[in-house]
Amino acid sequence: MAQEFLSDAIGSVRENSSPEMPEREPIRFLIIGTREGVIEEIKNFYAIGFAQVDEWSPLTPLPKTDLVMTILIRYRKQPATDSSTRKSGR
């Protein structure tokens, strides 16, 4: 299952419709909270092997709050669409 996701840096986002990699779907993980809380969660994700600390985007303040956000984008391999493997509605 881990093979379905391909890591990529936040700066190299490619849209799902990109002709060069149409079989990859971006999956976004978003953390919103206090600066301290977000940093702690990033460290927790690192500790369990989910993501490297530098894979997350820089912390971005949310307007009119004391909250920040960060995002991690992974790419999921989309399954091949083979008509012979589709189930009929019967």
C-alpha atoms as a PDB file:
ATOM      1  CA  MET A   1       0.000   0.000   0.000  1.00  0.00           C
ATOM      2  CA  ALA A   2       2.852   2.391   0.719  1.00  0.00           C
ATOM      3  CA  GLN A   3       3.919   1.900  -2.901  1.00  0.00           C
ATOM      4  CA  GLU A   4       0.788   3.788  -3.986  1.00  0.00           C
ATOM      5  CA  PHE A   5       2.213   7.070  -2.702  1.00  0.00           C
ATOM      6  CA  LEU A   6       5.204   8.825  -4.179  1.00  0.00           C
ATOM      7  CA  SER A   7       6.825  11.581  -2.180  1.00  0.00           C
ATOM      8  CA  ASP A   8       7.420  14.937  -3.790  1.00  0.00           C
ATOM      9  CA  ALA A   9       8.546  18.322  -2.530  1.00  0.00           C
ATOM     10  CA  ILE A  10       5.931  21.035  -2.109  1.00  0.00           C
ATOM     11  CA  GLY A  11       7.590  23.223  -4.739  1.00  0.00           C
ATOM     12  CA  SER A  12       7.122  20.738  -7.560  1.00  0.00           C
ATOM     13  CA  VAL A  13       3.358  20.401  -7.569  1.00  0.00           C
ATOM     14  CA  ARG A  14       2.012  18.979 -10.807  1.00  0.00           C
ATOM     15  CA  GLU A  15      -1.662  19.077 -11.591  1.00  0.00           C
ATOM     16  CA  ASN A  16      -3.466  15.764 -12.028  1.00  0.00           C
ATOM     17  CA  SER A  17      -4.067  16.541 -15.697  1.00  0.00           C
ATOM     18  CA  SER A  18      -0.400  16.948 -16.478  1.00  0.00           C
ATOM     19  CA  PRO A  19       0.365  15.110 -19.741  1.00  0.00           C
ATOM     20  CA  GLU A  20       3.753  13.989 -18.424  1.00  0.00           C
ATOM     21  CA  MET A  21       2.370  12.107 -15.397  1.00  0.00           C
ATOM     22  CA  PRO A  22      -1.377  11.573 -15.888  1.00  0.00           C
ATOM     23  CA  GLU A  23      -1.354   8.417 -13.751  1.00  0.00           C
ATOM     24  CA  ARG A  24      -0.495  10.347 -10.553  1.00  0.00           C
ATOM     25  CA  GLU A  25      -3.109  11.942  -8.318  1.00  0.00           C
ATOM     26  CA  PRO A  26      -2.019  14.575  -5.766  1.00  0.00           C
ATOM     27  CA  ILE A  27      -3.180  13.871  -2.210  1.00  0.00           C
ATOM     28  CA  ARG A  28      -2.891  16.824   0.186  1.00  0.00           C
ATOM     29  CA  PHE A  29      -2.405  16.622   3.948  1.00  0.00           C
ATOM     30  CA  LEU A  30      -3.126  19.872   5.783  1.00  0.00           C
ATOM     31  CA  ILE A  31      -2.327  20.775   9.387  1.00  0.00           C
ATOM     32  CA  ILE A  32      -3.841  23.888  10.955  1.00  0.00           C
ATOM     33  CA  GLY A  33      -3.207  24.928  14.549  1.00  0.00           C
ATOM     34  CA  THR A  34      -1.022  27.003  16.798  1.00  0.00           C
ATOM     35  CA  ARG A  35       2.600  27.280  15.739  1.00  0.00           C
ATOM     36  CA  GLU A  36       3.683  25.028  18.590  1.00  0.00           C
ATOM     37  CA  GLY A  37       0.950  22.474  17.890  1.00  0.00           C
ATOM     38  CA  VAL A  38       1.717  22.261  14.168  1.00  0.00           C
ATOM     39  CA  ILE A  39       5.449  21.875  14.797  1.00  0.00           C
ATOM     40  CA  GLU A  40       4.740  19.117  17.334  1.00  0.00           C
ATOM     41  CA  GLU A  41       2.523  17.242  14.852  1.00  0.00           C
ATOM     42  CA  ILE A  42       5.151  17.518  12.104  1.00  0.00           C
ATOM     43  CA  LYS A  43       7.656  15.988  14.534  1.00  0.00           C
ATOM     44  CA  ASN A  44       5.152  13.250  15.453  1.00  0.00           C
ATOM     45  CA  PHE A  45       4.621  12.388  11.777  1.00  0.00           C
ATOM     46  CA  TYR A  46       8.403  12.237  11.362  1.00  0.00           C
ATOM     47  CA  ALA A  47       8.748   9.979  14.421  1.00  0.00           C
ATOM     48  CA  ILE A  48       6.319   7.421  12.993  1.00  0.00           C
ATOM     49  CA  GLY A  49       7.977   7.541   9.567  1.00  0.00           C
ATOM     50  CA  PHE A  50       5.103   9.261   7.763  1.00  0.00           C
ATOM     51  CA  ALA A  51       6.993  12.271   6.392  1.00  0.00           C
ATOM     52  CA  GLN A  52      10.328  14.030   6.644  1.00  0.00           C
ATOM     53  CA  VAL A  53      10.221  17.399   8.388  1.00  0.00           C
ATOM     54  CA  ASP A  54      11.376  19.234   5.252  1.00  0.00           C
ATOM     55  CA  GLU A  55       8.589  17.742   3.106  1.00  0.00           C
ATOM     56  CA  TRP A  56       6.014  20.074   4.696  1.00  0.00           C
ATOM     57  CA  SER A  57       5.494  23.568   3.312  1.00  0.00           C
ATOM     58  CA  PRO A  58       6.711  26.550   5.360  1.00  0.00           C
ATOM     59  CA  LEU A  59       4.331  27.541   8.154  1.00  0.00           C
ATOM     60  CA  THR A  60       1.867  30.110   6.826  1.00  0.00           C
ATOM     61  CA  PRO A  61      -0.030  32.405   9.213  1.00  0.00           C
ATOM     62  CA  LEU A  62      -3.811  32.463   8.832  1.00  0.00           C
ATOM     63  CA  PRO A  63      -5.234  35.994   8.667  1.00  0.00           C
ATOM     64  CA  LYS A  64      -6.846  37.442  11.797  1.00  0.00           C
ATOM     65  CA  THR A  65      -5.949  34.408  13.959  1.00  0.00           C
ATOM     66  CA  ASP A  66      -3.024  33.076  15.936  1.00  0.00           C
ATOM     67  CA  LEU A  67      -3.032  29.935  13.777  1.00  0.00           C
ATOM     68  CA  VAL A  68      -0.652  28.682  11.092  1.00  0.00           C
ATOM     69  CA  MET A  69      -1.008  26.042   8.411  1.00  0.00           C
ATOM     70  CA  THR A  70       1.249  23.716   6.491  1.00  0.00           C
ATOM     71  CA  ILE A  71       0.618  21.250   3.686  1.00  0.00           C
ATOM     72  CA  LEU A  72       2.226  18.044   2.489  1.00  0.00           C
ATOM     73  CA  ILE A  73       1.555  16.733  -0.995  1.00  0.00           C
ATOM     74  CA  ARG A  74       2.030  13.104  -1.891  1.00  0.00           C
ATOM     75  CA  TYR A  75       1.241  11.513  -5.213  1.00  0.00           C
ATOM     76  CA  ARG A  76      -0.884   8.402  -5.494  1.00  0.00           C
ATOM     77  CA  LYS A  77      -0.495   6.061  -8.419  1.00  0.00           C
ATOM     78  CA  GLN A  78      -3.887   5.838 -10.045  1.00  0.00           C
ATOM     79  CA  PRO A  79      -5.001   2.316 -10.909  1.00  0.00           C
ATOM     80  CA  ALA A  80      -5.036   1.420 -14.576  1.00  0.00           C
ATOM     81  CA  THR A  81      -8.447   1.746 -16.156  1.00  0.00           C
ATOM     82  CA  ASP A  82      -8.887  -1.559 -17.915  1.00  0.00           C
ATOM     83  CA  SER A  83     -12.415  -2.233 -19.173  1.00  0.00           C
ATOM     84  CA  SER A  84     -11.918  -5.985 -18.693  1.00  0.00           C
ATOM     85  CA  THR A  85     -11.570  -5.525 -14.926  1.00  0.00           C
ATOM     86  CA  ARG A  86     -14.667  -3.367 -14.496  1.00  0.00           C
ATOM     87  CA  LYS A  87     -17.667  -4.983 -12.898  1.00  0.00           C
ATOM     88  CA  SER A  88     -20.904  -4.919 -14.793  1.00  0.00           C
ATOM     89  CA  GLY A  89     -24.034  -3.621 -13.118  1.00  0.00           C
ATOM     90  CA  ARG A  90     -25.692  -7.031 -13.356  1.00  0.00           C
END
